[in-house]
């Protein structure tokens, strides 16, 4: 595998400039926000572990791809804990959630 040439790097940079960023957990996050963030991490881990695209997972979850994208970008303000748990249990009904 070789390093991409300048033309390919330019295209990658242009795509990244247009992409919306993933959100970070704020320093003053509430316990609910921390839980929602951890649930969003489950979706990202599931995508990586199963080597599937967001579109494939959205189809499995019977949800809009844009909605799943909000989850994997950690837009925790758009979801309740209940909704994220509901979505997370669709591919894995035996999902265990530990609260410390």
C-alpha atoms as a PDB file:
ATOM      1  CA  UNK A   1       0.000   0.000   0.000  1.00  0.00           C
ATOM      2  CA  UNK A   2       1.403   3.377  -0.985  1.00  0.00           C
ATOM      3  CA  UNK A   3       0.679   6.855   0.249  1.00  0.00           C
ATOM      4  CA  UNK A   4      -1.993   8.613  -1.904  1.00  0.00           C
ATOM      5  CA  UNK A   5      -0.751  11.047  -4.524  1.00  0.00           C
ATOM      6  CA  UNK A   6      -1.450  14.776  -4.261  1.00  0.00           C
ATOM      7  CA  UNK A   7      -4.546  14.622  -6.488  1.00  0.00           C
ATOM      8  CA  UNK A   8      -6.141  11.921  -4.360  1.00  0.00           C
ATOM      9  CA  UNK A   9      -5.228  13.804  -1.181  1.00  0.00           C
ATOM     10  CA  UNK A  10      -6.878  16.938  -2.591  1.00  0.00           C
ATOM     11  CA  UNK A  11     -10.118  15.015  -3.218  1.00  0.00           C
ATOM     12  CA  UNK A  12     -10.007  13.550   0.289  1.00  0.00           C
ATOM     13  CA  UNK A  13      -9.488  17.002   1.815  1.00  0.00           C
ATOM     14  CA  UNK A  14     -12.417  18.407  -0.175  1.00  0.00           C
ATOM     15  CA  UNK A  15     -14.687  15.627   1.096  1.00  0.00           C
ATOM     16  CA  UNK A  16     -13.542  16.177   4.663  1.00  0.00           C
ATOM     17  CA  UNK A  17     -14.136  19.914   4.398  1.00  0.00           C
ATOM     18  CA  UNK A  18     -17.768  19.222   3.478  1.00  0.00           C
ATOM     19  CA  UNK A  19     -18.314  16.520   6.094  1.00  0.00           C
ATOM     20  CA  UNK A  20     -19.957  17.288   9.387  1.00  0.00           C
ATOM     21  CA  UNK A  21     -17.752  16.495  12.380  1.00  0.00           C
ATOM     22  CA  UNK A  22     -18.374  14.030  15.147  1.00  0.00           C
ATOM     23  CA  UNK A  23     -19.258  15.745  18.389  1.00  0.00           C
ATOM     24  CA  UNK A  24     -17.229  15.394  21.562  1.00  0.00           C
ATOM     25  CA  UNK A  25     -18.680  14.914  24.986  1.00  0.00           C
ATOM     26  CA  UNK A  26     -18.600  18.267  26.791  1.00  0.00           C
ATOM     27  CA  UNK A  27     -16.644  18.601  30.033  1.00  0.00           C
ATOM     28  CA  UNK A  28     -19.830  19.427  31.937  1.00  0.00           C
ATOM     29  CA  UNK A  29     -21.795  16.486  30.515  1.00  0.00           C
ATOM     30  CA  UNK A  30     -24.681  15.139  32.544  1.00  0.00           C
ATOM     31  CA  UNK A  31     -24.932  11.456  33.470  1.00  0.00           C
ATOM     32  CA  UNK A  32     -27.649  11.103  30.812  1.00  0.00           C
ATOM     33  CA  UNK A  33     -25.349  12.649  28.192  1.00  0.00           C
ATOM     34  CA  UNK A  34     -22.550  10.260  29.174  1.00  0.00           C
ATOM     35  CA  UNK A  35     -24.920   7.311  28.792  1.00  0.00           C
ATOM     36  CA  UNK A  36     -26.175   8.561  25.412  1.00  0.00           C
ATOM     37  CA  UNK A  37     -22.594   9.034  24.226  1.00  0.00           C
ATOM     38  CA  UNK A  38     -21.710   5.480  25.313  1.00  0.00           C
ATOM     39  CA  UNK A  39     -24.744   4.161  23.424  1.00  0.00           C
ATOM     40  CA  UNK A  40     -23.646   6.002  20.293  1.00  0.00           C
ATOM     41  CA  UNK A  41     -20.242   4.346  20.673  1.00  0.00           C
ATOM     42  CA  UNK A  42     -22.002   0.967  20.509  1.00  0.00           C
ATOM     43  CA  UNK A  43     -23.259   1.797  17.014  1.00  0.00           C
ATOM     44  CA  UNK A  44     -19.808   2.839  15.823  1.00  0.00           C
ATOM     45  CA  UNK A  45     -18.274  -0.312  17.314  1.00  0.00           C
ATOM     46  CA  UNK A  46     -20.963  -2.483  15.691  1.00  0.00           C
ATOM     47  CA  UNK A  47     -20.233  -0.960  12.273  1.00  0.00           C
ATOM     48  CA  UNK A  48     -16.495  -1.515  12.684  1.00  0.00           C
ATOM     49  CA  UNK A  49     -16.772  -5.004  14.156  1.00  0.00           C
ATOM     50  CA  UNK A  50     -19.135  -6.230  11.446  1.00  0.00           C
ATOM     51  CA  UNK A  51     -17.363  -4.333   8.640  1.00  0.00           C
ATOM     52  CA  UNK A  52     -20.590  -2.851   7.321  1.00  0.00           C
ATOM     53  CA  UNK A  53     -21.546   0.593   6.101  1.00  0.00           C
ATOM     54  CA  UNK A  54     -23.856   3.016   7.839  1.00  0.00           C
ATOM     55  CA  UNK A  55     -26.354   2.418   5.046  1.00  0.00           C
ATOM     56  CA  UNK A  56     -26.299  -1.342   5.678  1.00  0.00           C
ATOM     57  CA  UNK A  57     -26.824  -0.872   9.407  1.00  0.00           C
ATOM     58  CA  UNK A  58     -29.589   1.663   8.828  1.00  0.00           C
ATOM     59  CA  UNK A  59     -31.364  -0.901   6.670  1.00  0.00           C
ATOM     60  CA  UNK A  60     -30.968  -3.556   9.382  1.00  0.00           C
ATOM     61  CA  UNK A  61     -32.346  -1.135  11.961  1.00  0.00           C
ATOM     62  CA  UNK A  62     -35.182  -0.058   9.665  1.00  0.00           C
ATOM     63  CA  UNK A  63     -34.222   3.571  10.050  1.00  0.00           C
ATOM     64  CA  UNK A  64     -33.223   6.441   7.808  1.00  0.00           C
ATOM     65  CA  UNK A  65     -29.516   6.617   6.958  1.00  0.00           C
ATOM     66  CA  UNK A  66     -29.410  10.288   7.928  1.00  0.00           C
ATOM     67  CA  UNK A  67     -30.812   9.434  11.362  1.00  0.00           C
ATOM     68  CA  UNK A  68     -28.144   6.778  11.900  1.00  0.00           C
ATOM     69  CA  UNK A  69     -25.507   9.266  10.775  1.00  0.00           C
ATOM     70  CA  UNK A  70     -26.643  11.579  13.584  1.00  0.00           C
ATOM     71  CA  UNK A  71     -26.047   8.740  16.033  1.00  0.00           C
ATOM     72  CA  UNK A  72     -22.559   7.848  14.774  1.00  0.00           C
ATOM     73  CA  UNK A  73     -21.638  11.549  14.809  1.00  0.00           C
ATOM     74  CA  UNK A  74     -22.596  11.608  18.513  1.00  0.00           C
ATOM     75  CA  UNK A  75     -25.389  14.167  18.157  1.00  0.00           C
ATOM     76  CA  UNK A  76     -26.642  13.152  21.595  1.00  0.00           C
ATOM     77  CA  UNK A  77     -28.858  16.203  21.943  1.00  0.00           C
ATOM     78  CA  UNK A  78     -31.146  14.784  19.220  1.00  0.00           C
ATOM     79  CA  UNK A  79     -31.966  11.536  21.056  1.00  0.00           C
ATOM     80  CA  UNK A  80     -33.355  10.328  24.331  1.00  0.00           C
ATOM     81  CA  UNK A  81     -31.704   7.484  26.220  1.00  0.00           C
ATOM     82  CA  UNK A  82     -34.824   5.386  25.602  1.00  0.00           C
ATOM     83  CA  UNK A  83     -34.672   5.893  21.838  1.00  0.00           C
ATOM     84  CA  UNK A  84     -30.968   5.031  21.626  1.00  0.00           C
ATOM     85  CA  UNK A  85     -31.531   1.864  23.669  1.00  0.00           C
ATOM     86  CA  UNK A  86     -34.446   0.916  21.422  1.00  0.00           C
ATOM     87  CA  UNK A  87     -32.274   1.339  18.316  1.00  0.00           C
ATOM     88  CA  UNK A  88     -29.306  -0.471  19.904  1.00  0.00           C
ATOM     89  CA  UNK A  89     -31.416  -3.492  20.792  1.00  0.00           C
ATOM     90  CA  UNK A  90     -32.650  -4.002  17.231  1.00  0.00           C
ATOM     91  CA  UNK A  91     -29.491  -5.744  15.962  1.00  0.00           C
ATOM     92  CA  UNK A  92     -28.624  -7.129  19.404  1.00  0.00           C
ATOM     93  CA  UNK A  93     -31.683  -7.937  21.557  1.00  0.00           C
ATOM     94  CA  UNK A  94     -29.343  -9.255  24.276  1.00  0.00           C
ATOM     95  CA  UNK A  95     -27.426  -5.986  24.496  1.00  0.00           C
ATOM     96  CA  UNK A  96     -26.133  -5.458  28.004  1.00  0.00           C
ATOM     97  CA  UNK A  97     -25.817  -1.945  29.316  1.00  0.00           C
ATOM     98  CA  UNK A  98     -23.811  -1.480  32.480  1.00  0.00           C
ATOM     99  CA  UNK A  99     -24.107   1.698  34.481  1.00  0.00           C
ATOM    100  CA  UNK A 100     -21.279   2.499  36.864  1.00  0.00           C
END
